[in-house]
Amino acid sequence: MASAPSTPDVDPFTAVEALRAALDQAEIVLPSLAVDPASPSLRLVDLGRVRPDVAMRLADALRREDRSA
C-alpha cells in the first residue's frame, strides 16, 4: 500500500506572502489569494477565482519558469 506523501510544515501565511511576491514579479494578481479561514487545521491556501486571461498568464509564467530550470 502506498503511503501519503509527507508535507513539510509550512506556515500558510508565509506561503501566501511568498506566492504573492512571486506572482507580483510576473505581474499577476490573484485578488482572492489568502489563507483559507474555514479550515485552520488543514492550513490550506485559497487561490481564489480568476478570469481566464489571468489563468493563462499564470500558466505561461509557470512554463517560462520550467524552461529556465
PDB file of N, CA and C in Angstrom:
ATOM      1  N   MET A   1       0.845  -1.174   0.000  1.00  0.00           N
ATOM      2  CA  MET A   1       0.000   0.000   0.000  1.00  0.00           C
ATOM      3  C   MET A   1       0.891   1.238   0.000  1.00  0.00           C
ATOM      4  N   ALA A   2       0.579   2.198  -0.838  1.00  0.00           N
ATOM      5  CA  ALA A   2       1.352   3.438  -0.928  1.00  0.00           C
ATOM      6  C   ALA A   2       0.983   4.351   0.224  1.00  0.00           C
ATOM      7  N   SER A   3       1.988   5.007   0.765  1.00  0.00           N
ATOM      8  CA  SER A   3       1.717   5.944   1.852  1.00  0.00           C
ATOM      9  C   SER A   3       1.493   7.339   1.286  1.00  0.00           C
ATOM     10  N   ALA A   4       0.814   8.152   2.055  1.00  0.00           N
ATOM     11  CA  ALA A   4       0.556   9.533   1.631  1.00  0.00           C
ATOM     12  C   ALA A   4       1.877  10.296   1.631  1.00  0.00           C
ATOM     13  N   PRO A   5       2.064  11.187   0.659  1.00  0.00           N
ATOM     14  CA  PRO A   5       3.298  11.962   0.639  1.00  0.00           C
ATOM     15  C   PRO A   5       3.377  12.859   1.864  1.00  0.00           C
ATOM     16  N   SER A   6       4.577  12.993   2.405  1.00  0.00           N
ATOM     17  CA  SER A   6       4.732  13.862   3.563  1.00  0.00           C
ATOM     18  C   SER A   6       4.699  15.315   3.108  1.00  0.00           C
ATOM     19  N   THR A   7       4.111  16.149   3.926  1.00  0.00           N
ATOM     20  CA  THR A   7       4.040  17.570   3.604  1.00  0.00           C
ATOM     21  C   THR A   7       4.882  18.324   4.611  1.00  0.00           C
ATOM     22  N   PRO A   8       5.757  19.187   4.140  1.00  0.00           N
ATOM     23  CA  PRO A   8       6.587  19.950   5.069  1.00  0.00           C
ATOM     24  C   PRO A   8       5.722  20.893   5.893  1.00  0.00           C
ATOM     25  N   ASP A   9       6.193  21.206   7.067  1.00  0.00           N
ATOM     26  CA  ASP A   9       5.468  22.096   7.966  1.00  0.00           C
ATOM     27  C   ASP A   9       5.694  23.540   7.528  1.00  0.00           C
ATOM     28  N   VAL A  10       4.843  24.014   6.627  1.00  0.00           N
ATOM     29  CA  VAL A  10       4.963  25.360   6.080  1.00  0.00           C
ATOM     30  C   VAL A  10       3.819  26.205   6.616  1.00  0.00           C
ATOM     31  N   ASP A  11       4.143  27.371   7.144  1.00  0.00           N
ATOM     32  CA  ASP A  11       3.129  28.288   7.619  1.00  0.00           C
ATOM     33  C   ASP A  11       2.334  28.803   6.422  1.00  0.00           C
ATOM     34  N   PRO A  12       1.002  28.662   6.430  1.00  0.00           N
ATOM     35  CA  PRO A  12       0.217  29.090   5.276  1.00  0.00           C
ATOM     36  C   PRO A  12       0.306  30.596   5.017  1.00  0.00           C
ATOM     37  N   PHE A  13       0.466  31.395   6.059  1.00  0.00           N
ATOM     38  CA  PHE A  13       0.579  32.845   5.871  1.00  0.00           C
ATOM     39  C   PHE A  13       1.891  33.191   5.163  1.00  0.00           C
ATOM     40  N   THR A  14       2.953  32.481   5.522  1.00  0.00           N
ATOM     41  CA  THR A  14       4.238  32.667   4.853  1.00  0.00           C
ATOM     42  C   THR A  14       4.139  32.240   3.395  1.00  0.00           C
ATOM     43  N   ALA A  15       3.434  31.128   3.158  1.00  0.00           N
ATOM     44  CA  ALA A  15       3.272  30.632   1.794  1.00  0.00           C
ATOM     45  C   ALA A  15       2.490  31.625   0.940  1.00  0.00           C
ATOM     46  N   VAL A  16       1.446  32.215   1.503  1.00  0.00           N
ATOM     47  CA  VAL A  16       0.646  33.199   0.766  1.00  0.00           C
ATOM     48  C   VAL A  16       1.497  34.401   0.393  1.00  0.00           C
ATOM     49  N   GLU A  17       2.279  34.906   1.334  1.00  0.00           N
ATOM     50  CA  GLU A  17       3.106  36.082   1.044  1.00  0.00           C
ATOM     51  C   GLU A  17       4.193  35.763   0.027  1.00  0.00           C
ATOM     52  N   ALA A  18       4.776  34.570   0.108  1.00  0.00           N
ATOM     53  CA  ALA A  18       5.802  34.174  -0.870  1.00  0.00           C
ATOM     54  C   ALA A  18       5.194  34.052  -2.262  1.00  0.00           C
ATOM     55  N   LEU A  19       4.019  33.444  -2.338  1.00  0.00           N
ATOM     56  CA  LEU A  19       3.359  33.301  -3.636  1.00  0.00           C
ATOM     57  C   LEU A  19       2.938  34.656  -4.178  1.00  0.00           C
ATOM     58  N   ARG A  20       2.419  35.531  -3.316  1.00  0.00           N
ATOM     59  CA  ARG A  20       2.008  36.860  -3.754  1.00  0.00           C
ATOM     60  C   ARG A  20       3.206  37.629  -4.322  1.00  0.00           C
ATOM     61  N   ALA A  21       4.363  37.519  -3.669  1.00  0.00           N
ATOM     62  CA  ALA A  21       5.569  38.203  -4.143  1.00  0.00           C
ATOM     63  C   ALA A  21       6.022  37.649  -5.492  1.00  0.00           C
ATOM     64  N   ALA A  22       5.995  36.331  -5.641  1.00  0.00           N
ATOM     65  CA  ALA A  22       6.402  35.716  -6.910  1.00  0.00           C
ATOM     66  C   ALA A  22       5.444  36.098  -8.035  1.00  0.00           C
ATOM     67  N   LEU A  23       4.156  36.087  -7.738  1.00  0.00           N
ATOM     68  CA  LEU A  23       3.171  36.475  -8.745  1.00  0.00           C
ATOM     69  C   LEU A  23       3.322  37.945  -9.115  1.00  0.00           C
ATOM     70  N   ASP A  24       3.644  38.773  -8.127  1.00  0.00           N
ATOM     71  CA  ASP A  24       3.842  40.193  -8.387  1.00  0.00           C
ATOM     72  C   ASP A  24       4.993  40.408  -9.368  1.00  0.00           C
ATOM     73  N   GLN A  25       6.058  39.629  -9.230  1.00  0.00           N
ATOM     74  CA  GLN A  25       7.188  39.729 -10.167  1.00  0.00           C
ATOM     75  C   GLN A  25       6.765  39.363 -11.576  1.00  0.00           C
ATOM     76  N   ALA A  26       5.799  38.462 -11.695  1.00  0.00           N
ATOM     77  CA  ALA A  26       5.283  38.060 -13.008  1.00  0.00           C
ATOM     78  C   ALA A  26       4.128  38.954 -13.439  1.00  0.00           C
ATOM     79  N   GLU A  27       3.849  40.006 -12.651  1.00  0.00           N
ATOM     80  CA  GLU A  27       2.751  40.945 -12.926  1.00  0.00           C
ATOM     81  C   GLU A  27       1.401  40.242 -12.999  1.00  0.00           C
ATOM     82  N   ILE A  28       1.198  39.307 -12.076  1.00  0.00           N
ATOM     83  CA  ILE A  28      -0.049  38.559 -11.978  1.00  0.00           C
ATOM     84  C   ILE A  28      -0.642  38.827 -10.604  1.00  0.00           C
ATOM     85  N   VAL A  29      -1.932  39.154 -10.576  1.00  0.00           N
ATOM     86  CA  VAL A  29      -2.618  39.416  -9.321  1.00  0.00           C
ATOM     87  C   VAL A  29      -3.746  38.404  -9.147  1.00  0.00           C
ATOM     88  N   LEU A  30      -3.733  37.712  -8.025  1.00  0.00           N
ATOM     89  CA  LEU A  30      -4.852  36.852  -7.643  1.00  0.00           C
ATOM     90  C   LEU A  30      -5.526  37.551  -6.468  1.00  0.00           C
ATOM     91  N   PRO A  31      -6.589  38.316  -6.724  1.00  0.00           N
ATOM     92  CA  PRO A  31      -7.203  39.126  -5.671  1.00  0.00           C
ATOM     93  C   PRO A  31      -7.677  38.328  -4.467  1.00  0.00           C
ATOM     94  N   SER A  32      -8.059  37.085  -4.674  1.00  0.00           N
ATOM     95  CA  SER A  32      -8.612  36.278  -3.578  1.00  0.00           C
ATOM     96  C   SER A  32      -7.558  35.442  -2.862  1.00  0.00           C
ATOM     97  N   LEU A  33      -6.300  35.589  -3.219  1.00  0.00           N
ATOM     98  CA  LEU A  33      -5.241  34.795  -2.596  1.00  0.00           C
ATOM     99  C   LEU A  33      -5.209  35.056  -1.097  1.00  0.00           C
ATOM    100  N   ALA A  34      -5.409  33.993  -0.303  1.00  0.00           N
ATOM    101  CA  ALA A  34      -5.447  34.143   1.149  1.00  0.00           C
ATOM    102  C   ALA A  34      -5.347  32.771   1.810  1.00  0.00           C
ATOM    103  N   VAL A  35      -5.132  32.796   3.110  1.00  0.00           N
ATOM    104  CA  VAL A  35      -5.215  31.567   3.890  1.00  0.00           C
ATOM    105  C   VAL A  35      -6.694  31.256   4.059  1.00  0.00           C
ATOM    106  N   ASP A  36      -7.060  30.006   3.883  1.00  0.00           N
ATOM    107  CA  ASP A  36      -8.457  29.577   3.987  1.00  0.00           C
ATOM    108  C   ASP A  36      -8.884  29.566   5.455  1.00  0.00           C
ATOM    109  N   PRO A  37      -9.757  30.504   5.855  1.00  0.00           N
ATOM    110  CA  PRO A  37     -10.149  30.566   7.263  1.00  0.00           C
ATOM    111  C   PRO A  37     -11.113  29.453   7.674  1.00  0.00           C
ATOM    112  N   ALA A  38     -11.707  28.773   6.713  1.00  0.00           N
ATOM    113  CA  ALA A  38     -12.692  27.736   7.020  1.00  0.00           C
ATOM    114  C   ALA A  38     -12.051  26.416   7.456  1.00  0.00           C
ATOM    115  N   SER A  39     -10.751  26.286   7.249  1.00  0.00           N
ATOM    116  CA  SER A  39     -10.097  25.006   7.568  1.00  0.00           C
ATOM    117  C   SER A  39      -8.741  25.226   8.234  1.00  0.00           C
ATOM    118  N   PRO A  40      -8.708  25.865   9.397  1.00  0.00           N
ATOM    119  CA  PRO A  40      -7.424  26.181  10.019  1.00  0.00           C
ATOM    120  C   PRO A  40      -6.567  24.949  10.313  1.00  0.00           C
ATOM    121  N   SER A  41      -7.184  23.827  10.621  1.00  0.00           N
ATOM    122  CA  SER A  41      -6.396  22.632  10.922  1.00  0.00           C
ATOM    123  C   SER A  41      -5.736  22.055   9.668  1.00  0.00           C
ATOM    124  N   LEU A  42      -6.325  22.318   8.497  1.00  0.00           N
ATOM    125  CA  LEU A  42      -5.739  21.829   7.245  1.00  0.00           C
ATOM    126  C   LEU A  42      -4.674  22.766   6.693  1.00  0.00           C
ATOM    127  N   ARG A  43      -4.683  24.022   7.159  1.00  0.00           N
ATOM    128  CA  ARG A  43      -3.689  25.016   6.743  1.00  0.00           C
ATOM    129  C   ARG A  43      -3.663  25.185   5.222  1.00  0.00           C
ATOM    130  N   LEU A  44      -4.841  25.370   4.625  1.00  0.00           N
ATOM    131  CA  LEU A  44      -4.954  25.488   3.174  1.00  0.00           C
ATOM    132  C   LEU A  44      -4.756  26.927   2.711  1.00  0.00           C
ATOM    133  N   VAL A  45      -4.216  27.050   1.515  1.00  0.00           N
ATOM    134  CA  VAL A  45      -4.094  28.344   0.851  1.00  0.00           C
ATOM    135  C   VAL A  45      -5.169  28.391  -0.222  1.00  0.00           C
ATOM    136  N   ASP A  46      -6.008  29.412  -0.166  1.00  0.00           N
ATOM    137  CA  ASP A  46      -7.079  29.582  -1.140  1.00  0.00           C
ATOM    138  C   ASP A  46      -6.573  30.479  -2.264  1.00  0.00           C
ATOM    139  N   LEU A  47      -6.495  29.931  -3.468  1.00  0.00           N
ATOM    140  CA  LEU A  47      -6.029  30.703  -4.612  1.00  0.00           C
ATOM    141  C   LEU A  47      -7.140  31.554  -5.216  1.00  0.00           C
ATOM    142  N   GLY A  48      -8.375  31.238  -4.886  1.00  0.00           N
ATOM    143  CA  GLY A  48      -9.493  32.048  -5.341  1.00  0.00           C
ATOM    144  C   GLY A  48      -9.862  31.802  -6.793  1.00  0.00           C
ATOM    145  N   ARG A  49     -10.801  32.616  -7.243  1.00  0.00           N
ATOM    146  CA  ARG A  49     -11.261  32.523  -8.627  1.00  0.00           C
ATOM    147  C   ARG A  49     -10.592  33.621  -9.430  1.00  0.00           C
ATOM    148  N   VAL A  50     -10.271  33.302 -10.681  1.00  0.00           N
ATOM    149  CA  VAL A  50      -9.628  34.286 -11.552  1.00  0.00           C
ATOM    150  C   VAL A  50     -10.265  34.245 -12.930  1.00  0.00           C
ATOM    151  N   ARG A  51     -10.099  35.346 -13.667  1.00  0.00           N
ATOM    152  CA  ARG A  51     -10.558  35.399 -15.055  1.00  0.00           C
ATOM    153  C   ARG A  51      -9.689  34.459 -15.896  1.00  0.00           C
ATOM    154  N   PRO A  52     -10.213  33.984 -17.018  1.00  0.00           N
ATOM    155  CA  PRO A  52      -9.449  33.092 -17.879  1.00  0.00           C
ATOM    156  C   PRO A  52      -8.129  33.695 -18.353  1.00  0.00           C
ATOM    157  N   ASP A  53      -8.090  35.008 -18.630  1.00  0.00           N
ATOM    158  CA  ASP A  53      -6.840  35.608 -19.092  1.00  0.00           C
ATOM    159  C   ASP A  53      -5.775  35.580 -18.004  1.00  0.00           C
ATOM    160  N   VAL A  54      -6.183  35.711 -16.761  1.00  0.00           N
ATOM    161  CA  VAL A  54      -5.220  35.637 -15.658  1.00  0.00           C
ATOM    162  C   VAL A  54      -4.709  34.203 -15.509  1.00  0.00           C
ATOM    163  N   ALA A  55      -5.599  33.237 -15.648  1.00  0.00           N
ATOM    164  CA  ALA A  55      -5.191  31.832 -15.585  1.00  0.00           C
ATOM    165  C   ALA A  55      -4.176  31.511 -16.680  1.00  0.00           C
ATOM    166  N   MET A  56      -4.388  32.041 -17.872  1.00  0.00           N
ATOM    167  CA  MET A  56      -3.449  31.805 -18.975  1.00  0.00           C
ATOM    168  C   MET A  56      -2.099  32.474 -18.697  1.00  0.00           C
ATOM    169  N   ARG A  57      -2.116  33.686 -18.147  1.00  0.00           N
ATOM    170  CA  ARG A  57      -0.861  34.366 -17.809  1.00  0.00           C
ATOM    171  C   ARG A  57      -0.104  33.591 -16.741  1.00  0.00           C
ATOM    172  N   LEU A  58      -0.821  33.038 -15.774  1.00  0.00           N
ATOM    173  CA  LEU A  58      -0.187  32.225 -14.739  1.00  0.00           C
ATOM    174  C   LEU A  58       0.427  30.967 -15.349  1.00  0.00           C
ATOM    175  N   ALA A  59      -0.299  30.306 -16.231  1.00  0.00           N
ATOM    176  CA  ALA A  59       0.227  29.121 -16.906  1.00  0.00           C
ATOM    177  C   ALA A  59       1.467  29.457 -17.722  1.00  0.00           C
ATOM    178  N   ASP A  60       1.427  30.575 -18.437  1.00  0.00           N
ATOM    179  CA  ASP A  60       2.590  30.994 -19.226  1.00  0.00           C
ATOM    180  C   ASP A  60       3.792  31.280 -18.332  1.00  0.00           C
ATOM    181  N   ALA A  61       3.565  31.934 -17.199  1.00  0.00           N
ATOM    182  CA  ALA A  61       4.657  32.243 -16.273  1.00  0.00           C
ATOM    183  C   ALA A  61       5.265  30.966 -15.711  1.00  0.00           C
ATOM    184  N   LEU A  62       4.440  29.992 -15.401  1.00  0.00           N
ATOM    185  CA  LEU A  62       4.955  28.720 -14.890  1.00  0.00           C
ATOM    186  C   LEU A  62       5.743  27.976 -15.966  1.00  0.00           C
ATOM    187  N   ARG A  63       5.277  28.027 -17.191  1.00  0.00           N
ATOM    188  CA  ARG A  63       6.007  27.379 -18.277  1.00  0.00           C
ATOM    189  C   ARG A  63       7.370  28.043 -18.487  1.00  0.00           C
ATOM    190  N   ARG A  64       7.411  29.372 -18.424  1.00  0.00           N
ATOM    191  CA  ARG A  64       8.691  30.077 -18.566  1.00  0.00           C
ATOM    192  C   ARG A  64       9.656  29.673 -17.467  1.00  0.00           C
ATOM    193  N   GLU A  65       9.148  29.560 -16.258  1.00  0.00           N
ATOM    194  CA  GLU A  65       9.994  29.176 -15.122  1.00  0.00           C
ATOM    195  C   GLU A  65      10.501  27.749 -15.313  1.00  0.00           C
ATOM    196  N   ASP A  66       9.660  26.868 -15.822  1.00  0.00           N
ATOM    197  CA  ASP A  66      10.046  25.484 -16.046  1.00  0.00           C
ATOM    198  C   ASP A  66      11.162  25.394 -17.085  1.00  0.00           C
ATOM    199  N   ARG A  67      11.094  26.223 -18.115  1.00  0.00           N
ATOM    200  CA  ARG A  67      12.129  26.208 -19.170  1.00  0.00           C
ATOM    201  C   ARG A  67      13.459  26.749 -18.660  1.00  0.00           C
ATOM    202  N   SER A  68      13.414  27.655 -17.682  1.00  0.00           N
ATOM    203  CA  SER A  68      14.659  28.255 -17.207  1.00  0.00           C
ATOM    204  C   SER A  68      15.348  27.386 -16.163  1.00  0.00           C
ATOM    205  N   ALA A  69      14.664  26.358 -15.681  1.00  0.00           N
ATOM    206  CA  ALA A  69      15.255  25.485 -14.649  1.00  0.00           C
ATOM    207  C   ALA A  69      16.233  24.504 -15.237  1.00  0.00           C
TER     208      ALA A  69
END
